[in-house]
Structure formats: C-alpha cells, structure tokens
Amino acid sequence: MKMSPQRKRRTREHVIADLSVNFVERQALLAGFTVDRLLRDYGLDLILATYDEDGYVEPGQ
C-alpha cells in the first residue's frame, strides 16, 4: 500500500480560535481601540491599546 505524504490539517479548534480572535478584534475596533494581532504565538493572540477621552494611549498591561 502506497502512503501519501502527510499534509497539514486545519482542525476545528484552529477555526474556533481564529473566529474568537476576530470577534474580539472587531469589538475592540468598534470601541475605538487599536489591536495588534500576534501570529504564531501560542498563549497570546492580541495586544489591545485603549485610549483616554483626549485620545492618548492609556498606560497598563
């Protein structure tokens, strides 16, 4: 029996993770925040920056 080379598989968990990041990113942008999406970092998905009423970045972690 001939075996085909193993291909990458996109799992249901990967799809759900991407949809989750997309949802949070959309809500943040609608609220006037900025979002930096981190790719290929297991554990961190986004860096979110919030702003005060004068438009300055708020400090925090």
PDB file of N, CA and C in Angstrom:
ATOM      1  N   MET A   1       0.847  -1.172   0.000  1.00  0.00           N
ATOM      2  CA  MET A   1       0.000   0.000   0.000  1.00  0.00           C
ATOM      3  C   MET A   1       0.898   1.241   0.000  1.00  0.00           C
ATOM      4  N   LYS A   2       0.628   2.149  -0.902  1.00  0.00           N
ATOM      5  CA  LYS A   2       1.418   3.371  -1.018  1.00  0.00           C
ATOM      6  C   LYS A   2       0.846   4.439  -0.080  1.00  0.00           C
ATOM      7  N   MET A   3       1.718   5.011   0.723  1.00  0.00           N
ATOM      8  CA  MET A   3       1.292   6.046   1.662  1.00  0.00           C
ATOM      9  C   MET A   3       1.543   7.419   1.049  1.00  0.00           C
ATOM     10  N   SER A   4       0.561   8.283   1.130  1.00  0.00           N
ATOM     11  CA  SER A   4       0.750   9.648   0.641  1.00  0.00           C
ATOM     12  C   SER A   4       1.445  10.464   1.727  1.00  0.00           C
ATOM     13  N   PRO A   5       2.209  11.477   1.312  1.00  0.00           N
ATOM     14  CA  PRO A   5       2.861  12.314   2.327  1.00  0.00           C
ATOM     15  C   PRO A   5       1.819  12.979   3.225  1.00  0.00           C
ATOM     16  N   GLN A   6       2.150  13.095   4.496  1.00  0.00           N
ATOM     17  CA  GLN A   6       1.205  13.689   5.446  1.00  0.00           C
ATOM     18  C   GLN A   6       1.048  15.177   5.159  1.00  0.00           C
ATOM     19  N   ARG A   7      -0.197  15.614   5.070  1.00  0.00           N
ATOM     20  CA  ARG A   7      -0.499  17.019   4.806  1.00  0.00           C
ATOM     21  C   ARG A   7      -0.921  17.699   6.095  1.00  0.00           C
ATOM     22  N   LYS A   8      -0.797  19.019   6.104  1.00  0.00           N
ATOM     23  CA  LYS A   8      -1.254  19.792   7.253  1.00  0.00           C
ATOM     24  C   LYS A   8      -2.768  19.756   7.294  1.00  0.00           C
ATOM     25  N   ARG A   9      -3.299  19.778   8.502  1.00  0.00           N
ATOM     26  CA  ARG A   9      -4.743  19.708   8.683  1.00  0.00           C
ATOM     27  C   ARG A   9      -5.200  20.880   9.534  1.00  0.00           C
ATOM     28  N   ARG A  10      -6.231  21.570   9.074  1.00  0.00           N
ATOM     29  CA  ARG A  10      -6.821  22.668   9.844  1.00  0.00           C
ATOM     30  C   ARG A  10      -7.942  22.076  10.688  1.00  0.00           C
ATOM     31  N   THR A  11      -7.733  22.077  11.981  1.00  0.00           N
ATOM     32  CA  THR A  11      -8.689  21.440  12.884  1.00  0.00           C
ATOM     33  C   THR A  11      -9.821  22.400  13.254  1.00  0.00           C
ATOM     34  N   ARG A  12     -10.859  21.848  13.817  1.00  0.00           N
ATOM     35  CA  ARG A  12     -11.994  22.645  14.287  1.00  0.00           C
ATOM     36  C   ARG A  12     -11.535  23.639  15.354  1.00  0.00           C
ATOM     37  N   GLU A  13     -10.612  23.217  16.186  1.00  0.00           N
ATOM     38  CA  GLU A  13     -10.088  24.090  17.238  1.00  0.00           C
ATOM     39  C   GLU A  13      -9.388  25.309  16.653  1.00  0.00           C
ATOM     40  N   HIS A  14      -8.659  25.128  15.557  1.00  0.00           N
ATOM     41  CA  HIS A  14      -7.990  26.259  14.904  1.00  0.00           C
ATOM     42  C   HIS A  14      -9.010  27.245  14.341  1.00  0.00           C
ATOM     43  N   VAL A  15     -10.072  26.729  13.764  1.00  0.00           N
ATOM     44  CA  VAL A  15     -11.121  27.597  13.216  1.00  0.00           C
ATOM     45  C   VAL A  15     -11.780  28.394  14.337  1.00  0.00           C
ATOM     46  N   ILE A  16     -12.114  27.740  15.439  1.00  0.00           N
ATOM     47  CA  ILE A  16     -12.746  28.416  16.575  1.00  0.00           C
ATOM     48  C   ILE A  16     -11.811  29.476  17.154  1.00  0.00           C
ATOM     49  N   ALA A  17     -10.531  29.171  17.253  1.00  0.00           N
ATOM     50  CA  ALA A  17      -9.564  30.141  17.776  1.00  0.00           C
ATOM     51  C   ALA A  17      -9.503  31.374  16.884  1.00  0.00           C
ATOM     52  N   ASP A  18      -9.475  31.183  15.577  1.00  0.00           N
ATOM     53  CA  ASP A  18      -9.429  32.323  14.654  1.00  0.00           C
ATOM     54  C   ASP A  18     -10.706  33.149  14.716  1.00  0.00           C
ATOM     55  N   LEU A  19     -11.848  32.491  14.821  1.00  0.00           N
ATOM     56  CA  LEU A  19     -13.116  33.213  14.931  1.00  0.00           C
ATOM     57  C   LEU A  19     -13.179  34.007  16.237  1.00  0.00           C
ATOM     58  N   SER A  20     -12.650  33.454  17.304  1.00  0.00           N
ATOM     59  CA  SER A  20     -12.643  34.139  18.599  1.00  0.00           C
ATOM     60  C   SER A  20     -11.793  35.399  18.552  1.00  0.00           C
ATOM     61  N   VAL A  21     -10.607  35.291  17.976  1.00  0.00           N
ATOM     62  CA  VAL A  21      -9.730  36.459  17.853  1.00  0.00           C
ATOM     63  C   VAL A  21     -10.398  37.513  16.985  1.00  0.00           C
ATOM     64  N   ASN A  22     -11.028  37.082  15.898  1.00  0.00           N
ATOM     65  CA  ASN A  22     -11.706  38.014  15.003  1.00  0.00           C
ATOM     66  C   ASN A  22     -12.823  38.749  15.726  1.00  0.00           C
ATOM     67  N   PHE A  23     -13.587  38.051  16.567  1.00  0.00           N
ATOM     68  CA  PHE A  23     -14.688  38.669  17.304  1.00  0.00           C
ATOM     69  C   PHE A  23     -14.170  39.747  18.256  1.00  0.00           C
ATOM     70  N   VAL A  24     -13.150  39.405  19.035  1.00  0.00           N
ATOM     71  CA  VAL A  24     -12.596  40.372  19.993  1.00  0.00           C
ATOM     72  C   VAL A  24     -11.991  41.559  19.254  1.00  0.00           C
ATOM     73  N   GLU A  25     -11.287  41.285  18.162  1.00  0.00           N
ATOM     74  CA  GLU A  25     -10.676  42.352  17.372  1.00  0.00           C
ATOM     75  C   GLU A  25     -11.741  43.313  16.848  1.00  0.00           C
ATOM     76  N   ARG A  26     -12.841  42.786  16.361  1.00  0.00           N
ATOM     77  CA  ARG A  26     -13.924  43.631  15.837  1.00  0.00           C
ATOM     78  C   ARG A  26     -14.528  44.501  16.934  1.00  0.00           C
ATOM     79  N   GLN A  27     -14.805  43.906  18.097  1.00  0.00           N
ATOM     80  CA  GLN A  27     -15.397  44.666  19.197  1.00  0.00           C
ATOM     81  C   GLN A  27     -14.460  45.782  19.661  1.00  0.00           C
ATOM     82  N   ALA A  28     -13.176  45.493  19.729  1.00  0.00           N
ATOM     83  CA  ALA A  28     -12.198  46.499  20.150  1.00  0.00           C
ATOM     84  C   ALA A  28     -12.141  47.647  19.153  1.00  0.00           C
ATOM     85  N   LEU A  29     -12.126  47.341  17.872  1.00  0.00           N
ATOM     86  CA  LEU A  29     -12.064  48.389  16.850  1.00  0.00           C
ATOM     87  C   LEU A  29     -13.330  49.238  16.847  1.00  0.00           C
ATOM     88  N   LEU A  30     -14.478  48.612  17.044  1.00  0.00           N
ATOM     89  CA  LEU A  30     -15.737  49.366  17.107  1.00  0.00           C
ATOM     90  C   LEU A  30     -15.767  50.308  18.314  1.00  0.00           C
ATOM     91  N   ALA A  31     -15.050  49.946  19.374  1.00  0.00           N
ATOM     92  CA  ALA A  31     -14.991  50.787  20.579  1.00  0.00           C
ATOM     93  C   ALA A  31     -13.931  51.877  20.471  1.00  0.00           C
ATOM     94  N   GLY A  32     -13.188  51.903  19.371  1.00  0.00           N
ATOM     95  CA  GLY A  32     -12.181  52.937  19.179  1.00  0.00           C
ATOM     96  C   GLY A  32     -10.799  52.579  19.698  1.00  0.00           C
ATOM     97  N   PHE A  33     -10.581  51.325  20.020  1.00  0.00           N
ATOM     98  CA  PHE A  33      -9.276  50.869  20.480  1.00  0.00           C
ATOM     99  C   PHE A  33      -8.451  50.420  19.280  1.00  0.00           C
ATOM    100  N   THR A  34      -7.171  50.132  19.510  1.00  0.00           N
ATOM    101  CA  THR A  34      -6.347  49.545  18.459  1.00  0.00           C
ATOM    102  C   THR A  34      -5.934  48.146  18.885  1.00  0.00           C
ATOM    103  N   VAL A  35      -5.721  47.301  17.894  1.00  0.00           N
ATOM    104  CA  VAL A  35      -5.389  45.906  18.143  1.00  0.00           C
ATOM    105  C   VAL A  35      -4.213  45.510  17.263  1.00  0.00           C
ATOM    106  N   ASP A  36      -3.236  44.862  17.869  1.00  0.00           N
ATOM    107  CA  ASP A  36      -2.150  44.238  17.117  1.00  0.00           C
ATOM    108  C   ASP A  36      -2.301  42.737  17.279  1.00  0.00           C
ATOM    109  N   ARG A  37      -2.505  42.055  16.164  1.00  0.00           N
ATOM    110  CA  ARG A  37      -2.669  40.607  16.199  1.00  0.00           C
ATOM    111  C   ARG A  37      -1.291  39.954  16.180  1.00  0.00           C
ATOM    112  N   LEU A  38      -1.079  39.032  17.103  1.00  0.00           N
ATOM    113  CA  LEU A  38       0.177  38.291  17.168  1.00  0.00           C
ATOM    114  C   LEU A  38      -0.020  36.958  16.460  1.00  0.00           C
ATOM    115  N   LEU A  39       0.847  36.666  15.533  1.00  0.00           N
ATOM    116  CA  LEU A  39       0.732  35.416  14.788  1.00  0.00           C
ATOM    117  C   LEU A  39       1.718  34.386  15.318  1.00  0.00           C
ATOM    118  N   ARG A  40       1.278  33.171  15.380  1.00  0.00           N
ATOM    119  CA  ARG A  40       2.110  32.040  15.757  1.00  0.00           C
ATOM    120  C   ARG A  40       2.693  32.153  17.161  1.00  0.00           C
ATOM    121  N   ASP A  41       1.950  32.753  18.058  1.00  0.00           N
ATOM    122  CA  ASP A  41       2.387  32.822  19.453  1.00  0.00           C
ATOM    123  C   ASP A  41       1.329  32.100  20.281  1.00  0.00           C
ATOM    124  N   TYR A  42       1.649  30.924  20.729  1.00  0.00           N
ATOM    125  CA  TYR A  42       0.676  30.152  21.484  1.00  0.00           C
ATOM    126  C   TYR A  42       0.577  30.701  22.900  1.00  0.00           C
ATOM    127  N   GLY A  43      -0.580  31.243  23.213  1.00  0.00           N
ATOM    128  CA  GLY A  43      -0.827  31.817  24.531  1.00  0.00           C
ATOM    129  C   GLY A  43      -1.253  33.261  24.454  1.00  0.00           C
ATOM    130  N   LEU A  44      -0.670  34.029  23.542  1.00  0.00           N
ATOM    131  CA  LEU A  44      -1.056  35.426  23.340  1.00  0.00           C
ATOM    132  C   LEU A  44      -1.598  35.573  21.928  1.00  0.00           C
ATOM    133  N   ASP A  45      -2.733  36.253  21.808  1.00  0.00           N
ATOM    134  CA  ASP A  45      -3.342  36.432  20.494  1.00  0.00           C
ATOM    135  C   ASP A  45      -3.368  37.883  20.039  1.00  0.00           C
ATOM    136  N   LEU A  46      -3.581  38.804  20.981  1.00  0.00           N
ATOM    137  CA  LEU A  46      -3.738  40.214  20.633  1.00  0.00           C
ATOM    138  C   LEU A  46      -3.050  41.107  21.650  1.00  0.00           C
ATOM    139  N   ILE A  47      -2.631  42.265  21.183  1.00  0.00           N
ATOM    140  CA  ILE A  47      -2.236  43.352  22.077  1.00  0.00           C
ATOM    141  C   ILE A  47      -3.254  44.456  21.853  1.00  0.00           C
ATOM    142  N   LEU A  48      -3.944  44.842  22.907  1.00  0.00           N
ATOM    143  CA  LEU A  48      -5.027  45.816  22.829  1.00  0.00           C
ATOM    144  C   LEU A  48      -4.590  47.112  23.495  1.00  0.00           C
ATOM    145  N   ALA A  49      -4.751  48.221  22.792  1.00  0.00           N
ATOM    146  CA  ALA A  49      -4.430  49.532  23.363  1.00  0.00           C
ATOM    147  C   ALA A  49      -5.721  50.316  23.528  1.00  0.00           C
ATOM    148  N   THR A  50      -5.907  50.870  24.718  1.00  0.00           N
ATOM    149  CA  THR A  50      -7.074  51.712  24.983  1.00  0.00           C
ATOM    150  C   THR A  50      -6.612  53.159  25.080  1.00  0.00           C
ATOM    151  N   TYR A  51      -7.552  54.066  24.898  1.00  0.00           N
ATOM    152  CA  TYR A  51      -7.238  55.493  24.851  1.00  0.00           C
ATOM    153  C   TYR A  51      -8.144  56.259  25.797  1.00  0.00           C
ATOM    154  N   ASP A  52      -7.612  57.349  26.354  1.00  0.00           N
ATOM    155  CA  ASP A  52      -8.428  58.192  27.220  1.00  0.00           C
ATOM    156  C   ASP A  52      -9.292  59.125  26.370  1.00  0.00           C
ATOM    157  N   GLU A  53     -10.074  59.971  27.036  1.00  0.00           N
ATOM    158  CA  GLU A  53     -11.013  60.847  26.319  1.00  0.00           C
ATOM    159  C   GLU A  53     -10.310  61.883  25.437  1.00  0.00           C
ATOM    160  N   ASP A  54      -9.022  62.128  25.686  1.00  0.00           N
ATOM    161  CA  ASP A  54      -8.259  63.068  24.855  1.00  0.00           C
ATOM    162  C   ASP A  54      -7.521  62.379  23.711  1.00  0.00           C
ATOM    163  N   GLY A  55      -7.644  61.072  23.619  1.00  0.00           N
ATOM    164  CA  GLY A  55      -7.020  60.335  22.525  1.00  0.00           C
ATOM    165  C   GLY A  55      -5.626  59.820  22.799  1.00  0.00           C
ATOM    166  N   TYR A  56      -5.185  59.926  24.063  1.00  0.00           N
ATOM    167  CA  TYR A  56      -3.857  59.434  24.420  1.00  0.00           C
ATOM    168  C   TYR A  56      -3.940  57.980  24.880  1.00  0.00           C
ATOM    169  N   VAL A  57      -2.905  57.224  24.552  1.00  0.00           N
ATOM    170  CA  VAL A  57      -2.856  55.824  24.970  1.00  0.00           C
ATOM    171  C   VAL A  57      -2.828  55.758  26.490  1.00  0.00           C
ATOM    172  N   GLU A  58      -3.663  54.881  27.040  1.00  0.00           N
ATOM    173  CA  GLU A  58      -3.688  54.681  28.488  1.00  0.00           C
ATOM    174  C   GLU A  58      -2.587  53.700  28.880  1.00  0.00           C
ATOM    175  N   PRO A  59      -1.900  53.966  29.995  1.00  0.00           N
ATOM    176  CA  PRO A  59      -0.863  53.031  30.435  1.00  0.00           C
ATOM    177  C   PRO A  59      -1.502  51.769  31.013  1.00  0.00           C
ATOM    178  N   GLY A  60      -0.788  50.712  30.997  1.00  0.00           N
ATOM    179  CA  GLY A  60      -1.285  49.482  31.597  1.00  0.00           C
ATOM    180  C   GLY A  60      -0.720  48.265  30.908  1.00  0.00           C
ATOM    181  N   GLN A  61      -1.090  47.124  31.457  1.00  0.00           N
ATOM    182  CA  GLN A  61      -0.633  45.856  30.895  1.00  0.00           C
ATOM    183  C   GLN A  61      -1.802  44.946  30.708  1.00  0.00           C
TER     184      GLN A  61
END
